[in-house]
Protein backbone atom coordinates (compact mmCIF):
# COMPACT_ATOMS: atom_id res chain seq x y z
CA MET A 1 136.71 122.81 139.09
CA THR A 2 133.75 122.43 141.47
CA ASN A 3 133.82 123.57 145.10
CA GLU A 4 133.95 119.93 146.19
CA GLU A 5 136.94 119.26 143.94
CA LYS A 6 138.73 122.37 145.24
CA LEU A 7 138.10 121.37 148.84
CA ARG A 8 139.15 117.78 148.19
CA ALA A 9 142.44 119.14 146.82
CA VAL A 10 142.86 121.34 149.92
CA VAL A 11 142.35 118.34 152.22
CA LEU A 12 144.71 116.19 150.15
CA ASP A 13 147.42 118.87 150.35
CA ALA A 14 146.89 119.12 154.11
CA THR A 15 147.32 115.36 154.61
CA LYS A 16 150.52 115.46 152.55
CA ALA A 17 151.78 118.39 154.64
CA ILE A 18 151.56 116.32 157.83
CA GLY A 19 153.11 113.26 156.15
CA LEU A 20 149.95 111.24 155.70
CA ALA A 21 149.48 109.37 152.39
CA VAL A 22 145.76 108.91 151.70
CA ASP A 23 143.66 107.79 148.73
CA PRO A 24 142.08 110.97 147.26
CA ALA A 25 138.98 108.97 146.34
CA LEU A 26 138.31 108.44 150.07
CA ILE A 27 138.15 112.16 150.83
CA VAL A 28 134.46 112.95 151.13
CA ILE A 29 133.19 116.53 150.91
CA GLU A 30 129.55 117.14 151.81
CA HIS A 31 127.20 120.09 152.12
CA SER A 32 126.72 121.32 155.67
CA ARG A 33 123.11 120.85 156.67
CA ASP A 34 123.19 123.88 158.93
CA ALA A 35 124.54 127.20 157.58
CA SER A 36 126.07 127.93 160.99
CA HIS A 37 128.32 124.92 160.41
CA GLY A 38 129.72 126.36 157.19
CA ASP A 39 129.18 125.65 153.53
CA TYR A 40 130.84 122.23 153.32
CA SER A 41 132.31 119.66 155.70
CA THR A 42 134.53 116.58 155.67
CA ASN A 43 134.94 113.58 157.95
CA ALA A 44 138.55 113.10 156.78
CA ALA A 45 139.96 113.25 160.32
CA MET A 46 137.72 110.40 161.43
CA ARG A 47 138.23 108.39 158.26
CA PHE A 48 142.03 108.59 158.40
CA SER A 49 142.60 108.59 162.17
CA LYS A 50 143.53 104.91 162.26
CA LEU A 51 146.02 105.43 159.44
CA ALA A 52 147.50 108.39 161.33
CA GLY A 53 147.60 106.44 164.58
CA SER A 54 145.78 109.15 166.50
CA LYS A 55 142.32 110.11 167.72
CA PRO A 56 140.07 111.84 165.14
CA LEU A 57 140.00 115.09 167.12
CA ASP A 58 143.79 115.13 167.42
CA LEU A 59 144.17 114.53 163.68
CA ALA A 60 141.68 117.31 162.95
CA LYS A 61 143.80 119.69 165.05
CA ARG A 62 146.92 118.69 163.09
CA LEU A 63 145.15 119.23 159.76
CA LEU A 64 143.51 122.54 160.68
CA PRO A 65 146.50 124.90 160.16
CA GLU A 66 147.27 123.25 156.80
CA LEU A 67 143.76 123.78 155.41
CA THR A 68 144.34 127.06 153.60
CA SER A 69 143.14 128.47 150.29
CA PRO A 70 142.32 131.91 148.84
CA PHE A 71 138.64 130.95 148.54
CA LEU A 72 138.31 129.85 152.18
CA GLU A 73 137.10 132.30 154.83
CA LYS A 74 137.83 129.91 157.71
CA VAL A 75 137.81 126.27 158.80
CA GLU A 76 136.41 125.05 162.12
CA ILE A 77 136.51 121.77 164.01
CA ALA A 78 133.16 120.41 165.16
CA GLY A 79 132.10 117.44 167.30
CA PRO A 80 134.45 114.45 167.34
CA GLY A 81 136.55 115.75 164.45
CA PHE A 82 134.42 117.10 161.61
CA LEU A 83 136.07 119.91 159.64
CA ASN A 84 133.66 122.64 158.53
CA PHE A 85 134.59 124.91 155.63
CA PHE A 86 133.32 128.47 155.31
CA LEU A 87 133.81 129.82 151.78
CA LYS A 88 134.45 133.46 151.03
CA GLN A 89 131.36 135.14 149.69
CA ASP A 90 132.93 136.02 146.35
CA ALA A 91 133.93 132.36 145.90
CA LEU A 92 130.24 131.45 145.88
CA GLN A 93 129.16 134.47 143.86
CA GLY A 94 131.67 133.66 141.12
CA VAL A 95 129.54 130.75 139.91
CA VAL A 96 127.00 133.20 138.46
CA GLU A 97 129.56 134.71 136.10
CA THR A 98 130.78 131.22 135.15
CA ILE A 99 127.28 130.00 134.28
CA LEU A 100 126.39 133.10 132.29
CA ARG A 101 129.62 132.75 130.34
CA GLU A 102 129.35 129.01 129.64
CA LYS A 103 125.54 128.89 129.14
CA GLU A 104 124.51 125.51 127.65
CA ALA A 105 128.04 124.22 128.23
CA TYR A 106 127.79 124.71 132.00
CA GLY A 107 128.00 121.36 133.74
CA ARG A 108 129.79 119.65 130.86
CA SER A 109 133.18 118.03 131.41
CA PRO A 110 136.18 118.29 129.08
CA ARG A 111 136.34 115.55 126.44
CA LYS A 112 138.00 112.37 127.71
CA GLY A 113 138.78 110.79 124.34
CA ILE A 114 136.89 107.63 125.38
CA LYS A 115 134.49 106.12 122.84
CA VAL A 116 131.30 104.57 124.24
CA ASN A 117 128.58 102.70 122.38
CA ILE A 118 125.25 102.47 124.17
CA GLU A 119 122.54 100.24 122.75
CA TYR A 120 119.01 100.57 124.07
CA VAL A 121 115.36 99.85 123.27
CA SER A 122 116.13 97.51 120.30
CA ALA A 123 112.50 96.33 120.35
CA ASN A 124 111.69 93.49 117.97
CA PRO A 125 109.88 94.91 114.90
CA THR A 126 106.79 92.81 115.51
CA GLY A 127 104.45 95.22 117.30
CA ASP A 128 104.04 98.36 119.34
CA LEU A 129 106.45 99.49 122.06
CA HIS A 130 105.38 98.49 125.57
CA LEU A 131 106.20 100.20 128.86
CA GLY A 132 109.34 98.12 129.36
CA HIS A 133 110.65 99.61 126.13
CA THR A 134 109.56 103.04 127.34
CA ARG A 135 111.62 102.84 130.49
CA CYS A 136 114.62 101.44 128.59
CA ALA A 137 114.29 104.37 126.17
CA ALA A 138 114.11 106.98 128.95
CA VAL A 139 116.95 105.40 130.94
CA GLY A 140 119.18 104.65 127.93
CA ASP A 141 118.78 108.08 126.40
CA SER A 142 119.38 109.85 129.72
CA ILE A 143 122.52 107.79 130.33
CA ALA A 144 123.72 108.65 126.83
CA ASN A 145 123.09 112.35 127.52
CA LEU A 146 124.90 112.04 130.84
CA LEU A 147 127.92 110.33 129.33
CA ASP A 148 128.08 112.98 126.61
CA ALA A 149 127.93 115.75 129.23
CA GLY A 150 130.54 113.83 131.25
CA GLY A 151 133.05 114.09 128.42
CA TYR A 152 132.64 110.75 126.66
CA ASP A 153 132.25 110.32 122.89
CA VAL A 154 128.89 108.58 122.69
CA THR A 155 127.21 106.59 119.92
CA ARG A 156 123.54 105.76 120.46
CA GLU A 157 122.62 102.52 118.71
CA TYR A 158 119.51 100.49 117.95
CA TYR A 159 119.78 96.83 116.94
CA VAL A 160 117.05 95.36 114.77
CA ASN A 161 116.40 91.62 115.15
CA ASP A 162 115.06 91.14 111.63
CA CYS A 163 115.79 87.41 111.39
CA GLY A 164 114.56 84.32 113.16
CA ASN A 165 111.25 82.88 114.30
CA GLN A 166 109.66 86.14 115.43
CA VAL A 167 109.86 87.76 112.00
CA GLU A 168 108.79 84.51 110.33
CA HIS A 169 105.62 84.65 112.45
CA LEU A 170 105.23 88.35 111.64
CA GLY A 171 105.40 87.70 107.89
CA HIS A 172 102.96 84.80 108.11
CA SER A 173 100.54 86.76 110.30
CA LEU A 174 100.58 89.67 107.86
CA TYR A 175 100.02 87.31 104.95
CA ILE A 176 96.98 85.80 106.70
CA ARG A 177 95.53 89.28 107.37
CA TYR A 178 96.12 90.12 103.70
CA CYS A 179 94.35 86.93 102.59
CA GLU A 180 91.40 87.73 104.88
CA LEU A 181 90.85 90.97 102.95
CA PHE A 182 90.26 88.89 99.82
CA GLY A 183 88.16 86.25 101.60
CA LYS A 184 90.68 83.54 100.80
CA GLU A 185 89.69 80.17 102.30
CA GLY A 186 91.88 78.63 104.95
CA ALA A 187 93.39 81.95 106.03
CA VAL A 188 93.58 81.39 109.79
CA LEU A 189 96.08 82.73 112.29
CA GLY A 190 98.01 80.10 114.23
CA ASP A 191 98.68 80.04 117.96
CA ASN A 192 102.20 81.38 117.44
CA ASP A 193 101.13 84.13 115.06
CA TYR A 194 100.63 87.77 115.99
CA HIS A 195 96.98 88.61 116.55
CA GLY A 196 97.33 92.37 116.91
CA VAL A 197 94.80 94.36 114.90
CA ASP A 198 97.56 96.73 113.76
CA LEU A 199 98.50 94.12 111.15
CA ILE A 200 95.08 94.55 109.55
CA ASP A 201 95.92 98.18 108.76
CA ILE A 202 99.27 97.14 107.30
CA ALA A 203 97.54 94.46 105.20
CA LYS A 204 95.09 97.07 103.88
CA GLU A 205 98.04 99.24 102.86
CA ILE A 206 99.52 96.32 100.92
CA LYS A 207 96.20 95.64 99.21
CA GLU A 208 95.89 99.27 98.17
CA LYS A 209 99.45 99.33 96.75
CA TYR A 210 99.73 95.87 95.21
CA GLY A 211 96.22 94.48 94.82
CA ASP A 212 96.18 90.66 94.81
CA ARG A 213 99.78 90.34 93.59
CA TYR A 214 100.94 88.42 96.68
CA LEU A 215 97.95 86.14 97.29
CA GLU A 216 99.81 83.07 96.12
CA GLU A 217 101.91 81.59 98.90
CA ASN A 218 105.43 81.18 97.55
CA GLU A 219 109.01 82.25 98.26
CA GLU A 220 108.44 85.71 96.78
CA SER A 221 105.36 86.43 98.92
CA HIS A 222 107.05 84.90 101.99
CA ASP A 223 110.00 87.28 101.73
CA PHE A 224 107.81 90.23 100.78
CA PHE A 225 105.52 90.03 103.81
CA ILE A 226 108.45 89.67 106.20
CA ARG A 227 110.25 92.69 104.76
CA PHE A 228 107.12 94.84 104.45
CA GLY A 229 106.02 93.94 107.96
CA ILE A 230 109.44 94.74 109.45
CA ASP A 231 109.62 98.08 107.64
CA ALA A 232 106.08 99.03 108.66
CA GLU A 233 106.59 98.09 112.31
CA LEU A 234 109.96 99.86 112.42
CA ALA A 235 108.40 103.00 110.95
CA LYS A 236 105.87 103.02 113.81
CA ILE A 237 108.57 102.43 116.40
CA ARG A 238 110.72 105.23 114.98
CA LYS A 239 107.76 107.60 114.94
CA ASP A 240 106.97 106.82 118.58
CA LEU A 241 110.61 107.20 119.65
CA ASP A 242 111.00 110.45 117.71
CA ALA A 243 107.97 111.83 119.56
CA PHE A 244 109.62 110.63 122.79
CA ARG A 245 112.76 112.65 121.88
CA VAL A 246 114.83 109.51 121.46
CA HIS A 247 117.08 109.46 118.41
CA PHE A 248 119.84 107.08 117.37
CA ASP A 249 123.18 107.68 115.66
CA LYS A 250 123.25 104.21 114.16
CA VAL A 251 120.79 101.43 113.41
CA SER A 252 122.24 97.95 112.88
CA TYR A 253 120.40 94.97 111.41
CA GLU A 254 120.83 91.31 112.24
CA SER A 255 120.33 90.51 108.55
CA ASP A 256 123.48 92.55 107.77
CA ILE A 257 125.40 90.78 110.52
CA ARG A 258 124.55 87.45 108.88
CA LYS A 259 125.83 88.50 105.44
CA GLY A 260 129.14 87.61 103.79
CA GLY A 261 129.89 84.50 105.78
CA ASN A 262 130.32 86.54 108.96
CA ILE A 263 128.78 83.93 111.24
CA GLU A 264 130.66 81.08 109.56
CA ASN A 265 133.96 82.94 109.88
CA THR A 266 133.25 83.69 113.53
CA LEU A 267 132.45 80.04 114.21
CA GLU A 268 135.76 79.09 112.63
CA PHE A 269 137.53 81.53 114.93
CA LEU A 270 135.67 80.14 117.96
CA LYS A 271 136.42 76.52 117.02
CA PRO A 272 138.72 75.90 120.03
CA TYR A 273 135.76 76.68 122.32
CA LEU A 274 133.08 74.67 120.46
CA TYR A 275 131.83 71.16 121.17
CA GLN A 276 128.77 69.09 120.29
CA GLU A 277 126.24 67.56 122.60
CA GLU A 278 123.00 65.80 121.60
CA GLY A 279 123.29 67.20 118.08
CA ALA A 280 123.65 70.84 119.18
CA THR A 281 126.85 72.91 119.12
CA TYR A 282 127.86 74.59 122.38
CA LEU A 283 130.26 77.43 123.16
CA ALA A 284 132.36 76.82 126.29
CA THR A 285 131.55 80.14 127.95
CA SER A 286 131.85 78.57 131.42
CA ARG A 287 135.64 78.61 130.95
CA PHE A 288 135.40 82.36 131.43
CA VAL A 289 132.73 84.26 133.41
CA ASP A 290 129.52 82.41 132.50
CA ASP A 291 127.79 79.98 134.83
CA LYS A 292 127.30 77.36 132.10
CA ASP A 293 128.03 76.70 128.43
CA ARG A 294 125.61 78.06 125.83
CA PRO A 295 124.32 76.59 122.56
CA VAL A 296 125.12 78.52 119.37
CA ILE A 297 123.69 76.02 116.85
CA LYS A 298 120.54 74.05 117.61
CA ALA A 299 120.15 70.36 116.77
CA ASP A 300 118.13 71.32 113.69
CA GLY A 301 121.09 73.30 112.33
CA CYS A 302 119.64 76.77 113.01
CA TYR A 303 121.62 79.36 114.89
CA THR A 304 120.50 80.38 118.35
CA TYR A 305 120.02 84.13 118.86
CA PHE A 306 123.29 84.13 120.82
CA MET A 307 125.40 83.41 117.73
CA PRO A 308 124.53 86.53 115.66
CA ASP A 309 124.66 88.55 118.87
CA ILE A 310 128.29 87.50 119.32
CA CYS A 311 129.04 88.65 115.78
CA TYR A 312 127.23 91.93 116.47
CA HIS A 313 129.29 92.65 119.60
CA TYR A 314 132.49 91.76 117.74
CA ASP A 315 131.39 94.19 115.04
CA LYS A 316 130.85 96.96 117.59
CA MET A 317 134.27 96.44 119.11
CA SER A 318 135.85 96.46 115.64
CA ARG A 319 134.57 100.03 115.26
CA GLY A 320 137.02 101.21 117.92
CA TYR A 321 134.86 101.58 121.02
CA ASP A 322 136.47 101.52 124.45
CA LEU A 323 133.24 100.56 126.19
CA LEU A 324 129.97 98.90 125.20
CA ILE A 325 126.85 99.46 127.30
CA ASP A 326 123.74 97.34 126.77
CA VAL A 327 120.53 98.59 128.37
CA LEU A 328 118.43 95.49 128.98
CA GLY A 329 115.27 94.32 130.68
CA ALA A 330 115.62 92.84 134.15
CA ASP A 331 115.11 89.31 132.77
CA HIS A 332 118.39 89.44 130.81
CA HIS A 333 120.85 89.09 133.71
CA GLY A 334 122.29 85.83 132.37
CA TYR A 335 122.98 87.41 128.98
CA ILE A 336 125.92 89.57 130.03
CA GLY A 337 128.03 86.75 131.49
CA ARG A 338 127.86 84.74 128.28
CA MET A 339 128.57 87.78 126.08
CA LYS A 340 131.50 88.88 128.26
CA SER A 341 132.86 85.35 127.86
CA ALA A 342 132.51 85.50 124.07
CA LEU A 343 134.36 88.83 124.03
CA MET A 344 137.12 87.39 126.22
CA MET A 345 137.58 84.62 123.63
CA LYS A 346 138.45 87.42 121.21
CA GLY A 347 141.02 88.81 123.66
CA TYR A 348 138.95 91.65 125.08
CA SER A 349 138.72 92.48 128.78
CA PRO A 350 135.39 91.50 130.37
CA ASP A 351 135.10 95.14 131.44
CA VAL A 352 134.61 96.37 127.86
CA LEU A 353 130.96 95.28 128.15
CA GLN A 354 128.72 96.70 130.85
CA ALA A 355 124.97 96.39 131.31
CA GLU A 356 122.21 98.46 132.82
CA PHE A 357 119.27 96.29 133.83
CA VAL A 358 115.94 98.10 133.84
CA GLN A 359 113.19 96.91 136.14
CA VAL A 360 109.51 96.65 135.26
CA VAL A 361 106.89 99.40 135.36
CA ARG A 362 103.45 99.26 136.94
CA VAL A 363 100.89 101.97 136.29
CA TYR A 364 98.48 103.13 139.00
CA ARG A 365 95.42 105.32 138.62
CA ASP A 366 93.11 106.32 141.46
CA GLY A 367 95.08 103.96 143.68
CA GLN A 368 94.46 100.93 141.49
CA GLU A 369 96.90 99.17 139.19
CA VAL A 370 95.97 99.70 135.54
CA LYS A 371 96.90 96.95 133.12
CA MET A 372 94.61 97.69 130.20
CA SER A 373 94.20 100.79 128.06
CA LYS A 374 90.66 102.20 127.97
CA ARG A 375 91.36 103.41 124.45
CA THR A 376 92.54 100.14 122.93
CA GLY A 377 91.35 97.51 125.40
CA LYS A 378 94.85 96.02 125.39
CA ALA A 379 97.85 96.24 127.67
CA ILE A 380 98.96 99.85 128.04
CA ALA A 381 101.37 100.64 125.23
CA HIS A 382 104.10 103.27 125.11
CA ARG A 383 102.01 105.44 122.80
CA ASP A 384 98.98 105.33 125.12
CA LEU A 385 100.88 106.62 128.14
CA VAL A 386 102.84 109.30 126.29
CA GLU A 387 99.73 110.65 124.57
CA ASP A 388 97.83 110.76 127.87
CA VAL A 389 100.36 112.36 130.24
CA GLY A 390 102.96 113.86 127.91
CA VAL A 391 106.61 113.24 127.06
CA ASP A 392 108.00 115.34 129.91
CA ALA A 393 106.14 113.49 132.67
CA VAL A 394 106.93 110.03 131.31
CA ARG A 395 110.61 110.75 130.72
CA TYR A 396 111.09 112.32 134.15
CA PHE A 397 109.09 109.78 136.18
CA PHE A 398 110.73 106.84 134.37
CA VAL A 399 114.24 107.89 135.46
CA GLU A 400 113.38 109.48 138.82
CA ARG A 401 114.28 106.25 140.58
CA SER A 402 117.27 104.00 139.96
CA GLN A 403 116.74 101.79 136.93
CA SER A 404 117.46 98.77 139.13
CA SER A 405 114.35 99.58 141.20
CA HIS A 406 110.79 98.68 140.29
CA LEU A 407 108.78 101.69 139.17
CA ASP A 408 105.20 102.41 140.18
CA PHE A 409 103.97 105.16 137.87
CA ASP A 410 101.30 107.34 139.47
CA TYR A 411 99.02 108.42 136.63
CA ASN A 412 97.17 110.98 138.76
CA LEU A 413 100.37 112.59 140.07
CA ALA A 414 101.83 112.84 136.58
CA MET A 415 98.75 114.79 135.45
CA GLU A 416 98.66 117.05 138.51
CA ARG A 417 99.61 120.71 138.07
CA SER A 418 100.94 121.37 141.56
CA SER A 419 104.14 121.28 143.58
CA ASN A 420 103.38 117.63 144.39
CA ASN A 421 104.27 116.76 140.81
CA PRO A 422 108.09 116.85 140.61
CA VAL A 423 108.08 117.64 136.87
CA TYR A 424 105.69 120.55 137.28
CA TYR A 425 107.63 121.74 140.34
CA ALA A 426 110.92 121.85 138.41
CA GLN A 427 109.50 123.36 135.24
CA TYR A 428 107.63 126.00 137.25
CA ALA A 429 110.92 127.00 138.88
CA HIS A 430 112.38 127.54 135.41
CA ALA A 431 109.31 129.49 134.31
CA ARG A 432 109.56 131.70 137.41
CA CYS A 433 113.12 132.62 136.49
CA CYS A 434 111.98 133.47 132.97
CA SER A 435 109.13 135.58 134.36
CA VAL A 436 111.31 137.79 136.59
CA LEU A 437 113.89 138.16 133.82
CA SER A 438 111.14 139.34 131.49
CA LEU A 439 109.82 141.81 134.08
CA GLY A 440 113.32 143.15 134.66
CA SER A 441 114.44 143.05 131.03
CA ASP A 442 115.28 146.78 131.10
CA ILE A 443 117.66 146.36 134.07
CA PRO A 444 121.27 145.41 133.24
CA LEU A 445 122.60 142.29 134.94
CA ASP A 446 125.61 142.43 137.20
CA GLU A 447 127.19 139.09 136.34
CA LYS A 448 129.64 139.29 139.24
CA ALA A 449 126.58 139.37 141.54
CA PRO A 450 128.47 141.08 144.41
CA LEU A 451 125.41 141.95 146.52
CA LEU A 452 124.09 138.43 147.10
CA LYS A 453 124.18 137.70 150.81
CA GLU A 454 120.79 136.36 151.97
CA GLU A 455 120.65 132.73 153.08
CA ALA A 456 118.24 131.81 150.24
CA GLU A 457 120.74 133.28 147.80
CA MET A 458 123.68 131.48 149.36
CA THR A 459 121.84 128.14 149.30
CA LEU A 460 121.04 128.61 145.63
CA LEU A 461 124.64 129.57 144.82
CA ARG A 462 125.95 126.43 146.52
CA LEU A 463 123.60 124.25 144.49
CA LEU A 464 124.53 125.98 141.25
CA ALA A 465 128.21 125.39 142.01
CA ASP A 466 127.46 121.70 142.63
CA PHE A 467 125.97 121.05 139.19
CA PRO A 468 129.15 120.07 137.29
CA GLY A 469 130.09 117.65 140.06
CA VAL A 470 126.59 116.14 140.07
CA VAL A 471 126.74 115.58 136.31
CA SER A 472 130.24 114.12 136.43
CA GLY A 473 129.41 111.78 139.31
CA ALA A 474 126.09 110.67 137.81
CA ALA A 475 127.82 110.00 134.47
CA GLU A 476 130.43 107.76 136.10
CA GLU A 477 127.70 105.84 137.92
CA ARG A 478 125.31 105.92 134.94
CA ALA A 479 122.69 107.19 137.37
CA PRO A 480 120.23 109.67 135.82
CA TYR A 481 118.11 109.46 138.96
CA LYS A 482 120.82 111.49 140.72
CA VAL A 483 120.24 114.32 138.24
CA ALA A 484 116.51 114.09 138.98
CA ALA A 485 117.25 114.38 142.71
CA TYR A 486 119.46 117.42 142.06
CA ILE A 487 116.71 119.02 139.98
CA GLN A 488 114.32 118.82 142.94
CA LYS A 489 116.85 120.46 145.26
CA LEU A 490 117.55 123.18 142.72
CA ALA A 491 113.83 123.78 142.18
CA ALA A 492 113.27 124.10 145.93
CA ALA A 493 116.14 126.61 146.19
CA ILE A 494 114.80 128.65 143.25
CA HIS A 495 111.31 128.78 144.75
CA SER A 496 112.77 129.81 148.12
CA PHE A 497 114.85 132.54 146.46
CA TYR A 498 111.78 133.78 144.57
CA THR A 499 109.64 133.79 147.72
CA ASN A 500 112.10 135.20 150.26
CA CYS A 501 114.05 137.73 148.20
CA ARG A 502 112.57 140.73 146.46
CA ILE A 503 114.23 140.08 143.12
CA ILE A 504 113.09 143.26 141.36
CA ASP A 505 113.31 146.38 143.49
CA ARG A 506 113.48 149.51 141.37
CA ASP A 507 114.52 151.49 144.43
CA ASP A 508 117.62 149.28 144.73
CA ILE A 509 118.92 148.63 141.23
CA PRO A 510 122.39 147.33 142.31
CA THR A 511 120.86 144.50 144.37
CA THR A 512 118.27 143.86 141.66
CA SER A 513 121.05 143.54 139.08
CA SER A 514 122.78 140.89 141.20
CA ARG A 515 119.54 138.99 141.82
CA LEU A 516 118.51 139.03 138.17
CA ALA A 517 121.91 137.62 137.28
CA LEU A 518 121.32 134.85 139.84
CA ALA A 519 117.86 134.20 138.36
CA LYS A 520 119.37 133.88 134.89
CA ALA A 521 122.12 131.56 136.10
CA SER A 522 119.47 129.43 137.85
CA LYS A 523 117.43 129.31 134.66
CA VAL A 524 120.45 128.09 132.69
CA ALA A 525 121.37 125.39 135.22
CA MET A 526 117.78 124.13 135.48
CA SER A 527 117.43 123.97 131.70
CA ASN A 528 120.74 122.11 131.37
CA ALA A 529 119.75 119.62 134.06
CA LEU A 530 116.31 118.95 132.57
CA ALA A 531 117.84 118.53 129.10
CA ILE A 532 119.96 115.63 130.36
CA LEU A 533 116.74 113.79 131.18
CA GLY A 534 115.13 114.81 127.90
CA VAL A 535 112.63 117.10 129.63
CA SER A 536 111.67 120.51 128.23
CA SER A 537 112.12 123.87 129.98
CA PRO A 538 108.97 125.96 129.39
CA GLU A 539 109.23 129.72 129.80
CA LYS A 540 105.57 130.09 130.78
CA MET A 541 103.22 127.85 132.74
């Protein structure tokens, strides 16, 4: 239990003791900004004064004698009714022993028995990943890590749209590139084809493996180029995501969703909600939470992309998930209402599907927006940025702000090796802990850390104690940016501790033993926090 949770329980017990029934969720515990005002504070007396029918200060005075706990040194009233909590020193010091015992598990919540499926990236296999995919990957993977740390059973999933017009154009484009290698007349890319030069390399691979076997345009070559193109593009995507430390537990394919009469059976089930208009078949999603009805079969008899997507979400729910999370680009806001409606037709609550919408990324270098890669002459791709500035910088910067906010990526800052760069600042704090632990490797640690008393030490202890609560709260809100904000506070506290406290003093081994234990606990917490964001924890810099 975190200090905030303990204090919230103390306040709740105090309100009960004076006969006041309050919602525990409304009890707010915050860090005191000034050490002279204690370690934590609450505005409970002001928040609940109207309910109590008294002035905030009078309610604070009634609560004060009931605010007791073995880990509290004292409680004071401040201003119009704030209650300031002063923790006993050993209550703060105890976090060191907890961290050193739990190690990588520190910050993780007990398992909740709730199954969550989170789908992210799911880029069409028709070309390279772009920066929108990059941010979805960083956000989606960090949310998955957060949910896992928060006690949820998480499945990370990638959905491959390997049917429809886009893969038809991919197959045709690859066929044309293949024909060009043989000088075949009439081999010209159409306006709707893919003109990326990467297809030339794939065509060369086909020529080397199969010669002119697929020059004749027929059903066999049509299917071959689509399948080969999808597999080749997916292989590139997987390679790029692997390098970005993004891995999936399951990959699902639209082509599998379409097999075995699945779509036809689903349409039969949805029959009460179907109607025809101008030759197309519509699903009456507006009867539920959508703003208008949506077509599922076009006038030409082809399915819209919405129809297999319905089957896919039904399939996910049939696997026993309690919650589905789709991480989508900002232009997909209308998608969730229609899909929630389709799920409601199956009897599911609209709350079983949630979405995280990820805003666009702009890249700036030397104060100017950069839209083209110097290396390729095309729009900056995922691979370009990661190769230039590194996985750690991209993953951290891409989740540092809320996913619902636009992101301006500062190329120069990401490359800077100084405290101005938040990634460098955090990783350097970790490396500093490793450095002092190496220098003091012959000195035994006192895991109870009884001699910590300096303000820099107390500040660091408070932050370390906060970590489980930060993770739990960020998981519930699906807000990795809150972990990034915590990392910066923790890094600042570590640097302050390193600067203001003589960690290794061979003339005072007892204090050194306590401080080395604090350094090790800080190292563990920083590493655990960075890992949630998919960022490494170097031991030397």
